[in-house]
Amino acid sequence: MDFRSSLPWSLICAFSAFAGLTSAAEAGAPNGKQLLPVDVAALLKTFAGYVGIKEEPMGSNNGVMVNKFNASCGLRPSDHAPWCASVAHYGYMVNGAPDRPGAYSPSWYSKARVIPAALVQPGDVGLIYFPSKGRYAHTIAAIERVNRSGRIVTSYVTLEGNTNAMGSREGDSFARRVRPADTVKIVRWTK
């Protein structure tokens, strides 16, 4: 008898990933179903291609590509809007998923979309909470890699915009960063 047929799928996924019976990506994909609405390799290639994009002039929240990212969310260059969330929106849009949240980081958060660390996979979106603002105030466009020590998730390699070498949310470039796992809330946008 296969006991799995009587258990909720989410419990099977969590147990399988925790016990090391399967990878988190395999555990989260029933019957081989693709979890994200886009090709993850293409999405990551898109975001990796943005590494090194900088604001022009620095500190302006403007620049050729920054303006393109913000325009995808209905913002004008004269808005000088932070662009961490709009670059995530743009990357999903150019990869065939135009219905992502826009340029406001808190709109990317949904309790129903939160993913436990054991199930995080490349392509998931990260959010950073800022107590001084009382909200999620920085959007990580994509998790590129999950780093583990044994079975414990320790950090994520991220692809994110409007950041800098110090990891600020008020940065001036798109960068690849390493963030401690306990500082990032992960959400998955499946549809």
C-alpha atoms as a PDB file:
ATOM      1  CA  MET A   1       0.000   0.000   0.000  1.00  0.00           C
ATOM      2  CA  ASP A   2       1.293   3.433  -0.900  1.00  0.00           C
ATOM      3  CA  PHE A   3       0.706   5.581   2.211  1.00  0.00           C
ATOM      4  CA  ARG A   4       1.385   8.751   0.203  1.00  0.00           C
ATOM      5  CA  SER A   5      -2.061   8.638  -1.391  1.00  0.00           C
ATOM      6  CA  SER A   6      -3.641   9.443   1.979  1.00  0.00           C
ATOM      7  CA  LEU A   7      -1.318  12.364   2.844  1.00  0.00           C
ATOM      8  CA  PRO A   8      -1.566  15.966   1.678  1.00  0.00           C
ATOM      9  CA  TRP A   9       0.901  16.730  -1.129  1.00  0.00           C
ATOM     10  CA  SER A  10       2.476  19.640   0.797  1.00  0.00           C
ATOM     11  CA  LEU A  11       3.339  17.281   3.670  1.00  0.00           C
ATOM     12  CA  ILE A  12       4.897  14.750   1.289  1.00  0.00           C
ATOM     13  CA  CYS A  13       6.988  17.507  -0.350  1.00  0.00           C
ATOM     14  CA  ALA A  14       8.214  18.905   2.935  1.00  0.00           C
ATOM     15  CA  PHE A  15       9.044  15.484   4.397  1.00  0.00           C
ATOM     16  CA  SER A  16      10.749  14.245   1.232  1.00  0.00           C
ATOM     17  CA  ALA A  17      12.937  17.322   0.929  1.00  0.00           C
ATOM     18  CA  PHE A  18      13.741  17.346   4.659  1.00  0.00           C
ATOM     19  CA  ALA A  19      14.603  13.661   4.715  1.00  0.00           C
ATOM     20  CA  GLY A  20      16.777  14.006   1.632  1.00  0.00           C
ATOM     21  CA  LEU A  21      14.675  11.519  -0.311  1.00  0.00           C
ATOM     22  CA  THR A  22      14.483  13.908  -3.227  1.00  0.00           C
ATOM     23  CA  SER A  23      15.607  17.388  -4.107  1.00  0.00           C
ATOM     24  CA  ALA A  24      13.406  20.317  -3.184  1.00  0.00           C
ATOM     25  CA  ALA A  25      12.743  20.991  -6.865  1.00  0.00           C
ATOM     26  CA  GLU A  26      11.628  17.387  -7.440  1.00  0.00           C
ATOM     27  CA  ALA A  27       9.561  17.334  -4.240  1.00  0.00           C
ATOM     28  CA  GLY A  28       7.673  20.447  -5.250  1.00  0.00           C
ATOM     29  CA  ALA A  29       6.741  19.257  -8.703  1.00  0.00           C
ATOM     30  CA  PRO A  30       3.931  16.692  -8.696  1.00  0.00           C
ATOM     31  CA  ASN A  31       4.025  14.433 -11.746  1.00  0.00           C
ATOM     32  CA  GLY A  32       6.901  16.437 -13.239  1.00  0.00           C
ATOM     33  CA  LYS A  33       4.715  19.544 -13.480  1.00  0.00           C
ATOM     34  CA  GLN A  34       6.655  22.754 -13.943  1.00  0.00           C
ATOM     35  CA  LEU A  35       6.330  24.892 -10.805  1.00  0.00           C
ATOM     36  CA  LEU A  36       7.035  28.293 -12.340  1.00  0.00           C
ATOM     37  CA  PRO A  37       5.089  29.705 -15.286  1.00  0.00           C
ATOM     38  CA  VAL A  38       8.313  30.349 -17.200  1.00  0.00           C
ATOM     39  CA  ASP A  39      11.410  28.453 -18.267  1.00  0.00           C
ATOM     40  CA  VAL A  40      13.603  28.862 -15.166  1.00  0.00           C
ATOM     41  CA  ALA A  41      16.878  28.554 -17.098  1.00  0.00           C
ATOM     42  CA  ALA A  42      15.768  31.339 -19.456  1.00  0.00           C
ATOM     43  CA  LEU A  43      14.586  33.484 -16.527  1.00  0.00           C
ATOM     44  CA  LEU A  44      17.911  33.100 -14.719  1.00  0.00           C
ATOM     45  CA  LYS A  45      19.813  33.810 -17.946  1.00  0.00           C
ATOM     46  CA  THR A  46      17.799  37.012 -18.361  1.00  0.00           C
ATOM     47  CA  PHE A  47      18.549  38.177 -14.817  1.00  0.00           C
ATOM     48  CA  ALA A  48      22.216  37.107 -15.016  1.00  0.00           C
ATOM     49  CA  GLY A  49      22.468  39.260 -18.149  1.00  0.00           C
ATOM     50  CA  TYR A  50      21.451  42.291 -16.074  1.00  0.00           C
ATOM     51  CA  VAL A  51      24.395  41.920 -13.660  1.00  0.00           C
ATOM     52  CA  GLY A  52      26.442  45.102 -13.912  1.00  0.00           C
ATOM     53  CA  ILE A  53      23.616  47.388 -15.050  1.00  0.00           C
ATOM     54  CA  LYS A  54      24.022  50.674 -13.208  1.00  0.00           C
ATOM     55  CA  GLU A  55      21.961  53.792 -12.719  1.00  0.00           C
ATOM     56  CA  GLU A  56      22.866  56.757 -14.937  1.00  0.00           C
ATOM     57  CA  PRO A  57      23.669  59.051 -13.193  1.00  0.00           C
ATOM     58  CA  MET A  58      24.446  57.086 -10.050  1.00  0.00           C
ATOM     59  CA  GLY A  59      21.874  57.497  -7.290  1.00  0.00           C
ATOM     60  CA  SER A  60      19.148  58.718  -9.659  1.00  0.00           C
ATOM     61  CA  ASN A  61      17.029  55.552 -10.037  1.00  0.00           C
ATOM     62  CA  ASN A  62      17.346  56.219 -13.791  1.00  0.00           C
ATOM     63  CA  GLY A  63      19.325  54.884 -16.736  1.00  0.00           C
ATOM     64  CA  VAL A  64      18.492  53.253 -20.063  1.00  0.00           C
ATOM     65  CA  MET A  65      17.640  49.828 -18.615  1.00  0.00           C
ATOM     66  CA  VAL A  66      16.412  51.116 -15.244  1.00  0.00           C
ATOM     67  CA  ASN A  67      13.903  53.315 -17.089  1.00  0.00           C
ATOM     68  CA  LYS A  68      12.820  50.277 -19.144  1.00  0.00           C
ATOM     69  CA  PHE A  69      12.312  48.215 -15.968  1.00  0.00           C
ATOM     70  CA  ASN A  70      10.252  50.976 -14.331  1.00  0.00           C
ATOM     71  CA  ALA A  71       8.264  51.662 -17.529  1.00  0.00           C
ATOM     72  CA  SER A  72       7.074  48.028 -17.462  1.00  0.00           C
ATOM     73  CA  CYS A  73       5.244  49.021 -14.251  1.00  0.00           C
ATOM     74  CA  GLY A  74       3.860  52.296 -15.600  1.00  0.00           C
ATOM     75  CA  LEU A  75       6.528  54.541 -14.064  1.00  0.00           C
ATOM     76  CA  ARG A  76       8.246  57.465 -15.813  1.00  0.00           C
ATOM     77  CA  PRO A  77      11.929  58.466 -15.517  1.00  0.00           C
ATOM     78  CA  SER A  78      10.792  61.637 -13.747  1.00  0.00           C
ATOM     79  CA  ASP A  79       9.409  59.429 -10.933  1.00  0.00           C
ATOM     80  CA  HIS A  80      12.974  58.431  -9.920  1.00  0.00           C
ATOM     81  CA  ALA A  81      11.378  55.294  -8.449  1.00  0.00           C
ATOM     82  CA  PRO A  82      13.299  52.506  -6.699  1.00  0.00           C
ATOM     83  CA  TRP A  83      13.526  49.641  -9.179  1.00  0.00           C
ATOM     84  CA  CYS A  84      14.214  46.399  -7.297  1.00  0.00           C
ATOM     85  CA  ALA A  85      10.640  45.177  -7.795  1.00  0.00           C
ATOM     86  CA  SER A  86      10.194  46.558 -11.307  1.00  0.00           C
ATOM     87  CA  VAL A  87      13.241  44.642 -12.588  1.00  0.00           C
ATOM     88  CA  ALA A  88      11.688  41.440 -11.196  1.00  0.00           C
ATOM     89  CA  HIS A  89       8.430  42.323 -12.968  1.00  0.00           C
ATOM     90  CA  TYR A  90      10.266  43.078 -16.214  1.00  0.00           C
ATOM     91  CA  GLY A  91      12.294  39.849 -16.137  1.00  0.00           C
ATOM     92  CA  TYR A  92       9.181  37.737 -15.683  1.00  0.00           C
ATOM     93  CA  MET A  93       7.352  39.761 -18.342  1.00  0.00           C
ATOM     94  CA  VAL A  94      10.000  39.242 -21.037  1.00  0.00           C
ATOM     95  CA  ASN A  95       9.952  35.537 -20.204  1.00  0.00           C
ATOM     96  CA  GLY A  96       6.210  35.179 -20.757  1.00  0.00           C
ATOM     97  CA  ALA A  97       4.640  35.902 -17.358  1.00  0.00           C
ATOM     98  CA  PRO A  98       3.362  39.491 -17.551  1.00  0.00           C
ATOM     99  CA  ASP A  99       0.977  39.246 -14.607  1.00  0.00           C
ATOM    100  CA  ARG A 100       3.569  39.662 -11.818  1.00  0.00           C
ATOM    101  CA  PRO A 101       3.142  42.370  -9.191  1.00  0.00           C
ATOM    102  CA  GLY A 102       4.549  45.763 -10.083  1.00  0.00           C
ATOM    103  CA  ALA A 103       7.119  48.178  -8.695  1.00  0.00           C
ATOM    104  CA  TYR A 104       6.031  48.107  -5.026  1.00  0.00           C
ATOM    105  CA  SER A 105       7.916  45.437  -3.039  1.00  0.00           C
ATOM    106  CA  PRO A 106       5.107  44.688  -0.528  1.00  0.00           C
ATOM    107  CA  SER A 107       2.834  43.656  -3.414  1.00  0.00           C
ATOM    108  CA  TRP A 108       5.134  40.706  -4.091  1.00  0.00           C
ATOM    109  CA  TYR A 109       4.383  39.287  -0.626  1.00  0.00           C
ATOM    110  CA  SER A 110       1.540  36.858  -0.130  1.00  0.00           C
ATOM    111  CA  LYS A 111       1.374  34.549   2.875  1.00  0.00           C
ATOM    112  CA  ALA A 112      -0.076  31.848   0.617  1.00  0.00           C
ATOM    113  CA  ARG A 113       3.000  32.031  -1.652  1.00  0.00           C
ATOM    114  CA  VAL A 114       5.677  31.742   1.074  1.00  0.00           C
ATOM    115  CA  ILE A 115       8.009  28.779   0.527  1.00  0.00           C
ATOM    116  CA  PRO A 116       9.885  27.074   3.392  1.00  0.00           C
ATOM    117  CA  ALA A 117      13.677  27.085   3.003  1.00  0.00           C
ATOM    118  CA  ALA A 118      13.771  23.328   2.308  1.00  0.00           C
ATOM    119  CA  LEU A 119      11.672  23.828  -0.833  1.00  0.00           C
ATOM    120  CA  VAL A 120      13.308  26.956  -2.296  1.00  0.00           C
ATOM    121  CA  GLN A 121      14.524  26.523  -5.840  1.00  0.00           C
ATOM    122  CA  PRO A 122      16.173  28.694  -8.477  1.00  0.00           C
ATOM    123  CA  GLY A 123      13.744  31.214  -9.934  1.00  0.00           C
ATOM    124  CA  ASP A 124      11.869  31.862  -6.692  1.00  0.00           C
ATOM    125  CA  VAL A 125      11.530  35.512  -5.622  1.00  0.00           C
ATOM    126  CA  GLY A 126      12.984  36.846  -2.377  1.00  0.00           C
ATOM    127  CA  LEU A 127      11.858  39.688  -0.139  1.00  0.00           C
ATOM    128  CA  ILE A 128      13.693  41.482   2.635  1.00  0.00           C
ATOM    129  CA  TYR A 129      11.794  42.946   5.569  1.00  0.00           C
ATOM    130  CA  PHE A 130      12.912  46.306   6.938  1.00  0.00           C
ATOM    131  CA  PRO A 131      11.700  46.903  10.513  1.00  0.00           C
ATOM    132  CA  SER A 132      12.356  50.646  10.107  1.00  0.00           C
ATOM    133  CA  LYS A 133       9.753  50.694   7.335  1.00  0.00           C
ATOM    134  CA  GLY A 134       7.445  48.102   8.881  1.00  0.00           C
ATOM    135  CA  ARG A 135       7.203  46.218   5.566  1.00  0.00           C
ATOM    136  CA  TYR A 136       8.999  44.235   2.903  1.00  0.00           C
ATOM    137  CA  ALA A 137      11.029  46.933   1.204  1.00  0.00           C
ATOM    138  CA  HIS A 138      13.413  45.103  -1.137  1.00  0.00           C
ATOM    139  CA  THR A 139      12.577  42.564  -3.834  1.00  0.00           C
ATOM    140  CA  ILE A 140      15.137  40.012  -5.002  1.00  0.00           C
ATOM    141  CA  ALA A 141      14.393  39.253  -8.647  1.00  0.00           C
ATOM    142  CA  ALA A 142      15.430  35.604  -8.394  1.00  0.00           C
ATOM    143  CA  ILE A 143      17.173  33.039  -6.287  1.00  0.00           C
ATOM    144  CA  GLU A 144      19.971  31.728  -8.476  1.00  0.00           C
ATOM    145  CA  ARG A 145      21.289  29.032  -6.132  1.00  0.00           C
ATOM    146  CA  VAL A 146      20.499  27.604  -2.703  1.00  0.00           C
ATOM    147  CA  ASN A 147      23.551  26.964  -0.491  1.00  0.00           C
ATOM    148  CA  ARG A 148      23.341  24.238   2.138  1.00  0.00           C
ATOM    149  CA  SER A 149      25.388  22.842   4.977  1.00  0.00           C
ATOM    150  CA  GLY A 150      24.198  19.261   4.984  1.00  0.00           C
ATOM    151  CA  ARG A 151      20.424  19.562   4.786  1.00  0.00           C
ATOM    152  CA  ILE A 152      20.266  23.049   6.321  1.00  0.00           C
ATOM    153  CA  VAL A 153      19.814  25.989   3.949  1.00  0.00           C
ATOM    154  CA  THR A 154      22.442  28.569   4.924  1.00  0.00           C
ATOM    155  CA  SER A 155      22.295  31.188   2.184  1.00  0.00           C
ATOM    156  CA  TYR A 156      21.027  32.094  -1.238  1.00  0.00           C
ATOM    157  CA  VAL A 157      22.891  33.394  -4.263  1.00  0.00           C
ATOM    158  CA  THR A 158      20.571  36.105  -5.537  1.00  0.00           C
ATOM    159  CA  LEU A 159      20.099  38.240  -8.631  1.00  0.00           C
ATOM    160  CA  GLU A 160      18.744  41.641  -7.610  1.00  0.00           C
ATOM    161  CA  GLY A 161      18.455  45.257  -8.651  1.00  0.00           C
ATOM    162  CA  ASN A 162      18.776  48.604  -6.888  1.00  0.00           C
ATOM    163  CA  THR A 163      21.437  47.180  -4.593  1.00  0.00           C
ATOM    164  CA  ASN A 164      25.155  47.660  -3.962  1.00  0.00           C
ATOM    165  CA  ALA A 165      28.155  45.883  -2.414  1.00  0.00           C
ATOM    166  CA  MET A 166      26.716  46.480   1.069  1.00  0.00           C
ATOM    167  CA  GLY A 167      23.382  44.884   0.117  1.00  0.00           C
ATOM    168  CA  SER A 168      21.454  48.117   0.416  1.00  0.00           C
ATOM    169  CA  ARG A 169      17.934  48.564  -0.920  1.00  0.00           C
ATOM    170  CA  GLU A 170      19.006  52.051  -2.007  1.00  0.00           C
ATOM    171  CA  GLY A 171      21.835  50.882  -4.246  1.00  0.00           C
ATOM    172  CA  ASP A 172      22.624  51.798  -7.821  1.00  0.00           C
ATOM    173  CA  SER A 173      23.175  48.537  -9.707  1.00  0.00           C
ATOM    174  CA  PHE A 174      21.941  45.059 -10.564  1.00  0.00           C
ATOM    175  CA  ALA A 175      24.152  42.485  -8.854  1.00  0.00           C
ATOM    176  CA  ARG A 176      24.674  38.898  -7.859  1.00  0.00           C
ATOM    177  CA  ARG A 177      24.756  38.706  -4.051  1.00  0.00           C
ATOM    178  CA  VAL A 178      24.936  36.091  -1.315  1.00  0.00           C
ATOM    179  CA  ARG A 179      22.338  36.601   1.400  1.00  0.00           C
ATOM    180  CA  PRO A 180      21.941  34.614   4.647  1.00  0.00           C
ATOM    181  CA  ALA A 181      18.847  32.414   4.367  1.00  0.00           C
ATOM    182  CA  ASP A 182      17.352  33.730   7.598  1.00  0.00           C
ATOM    183  CA  THR A 183      17.234  37.293   6.214  1.00  0.00           C
ATOM    184  CA  VAL A 184      15.134  36.493   3.121  1.00  0.00           C
ATOM    185  CA  LYS A 185      11.449  35.544   2.830  1.00  0.00           C
ATOM    186  CA  ILE A 186      10.917  33.435  -0.291  1.00  0.00           C
ATOM    187  CA  VAL A 187       7.738  33.503  -2.350  1.00  0.00           C
ATOM    188  CA  ARG A 188       6.856  31.471  -5.425  1.00  0.00           C
ATOM    189  CA  TRP A 189       4.697  32.892  -8.212  1.00  0.00           C
ATOM    190  CA  THR A 190       3.315  29.806  -9.951  1.00  0.00           C
ATOM    191  CA  LYS A 191       0.665  31.432 -12.108  1.00  0.00           C
END
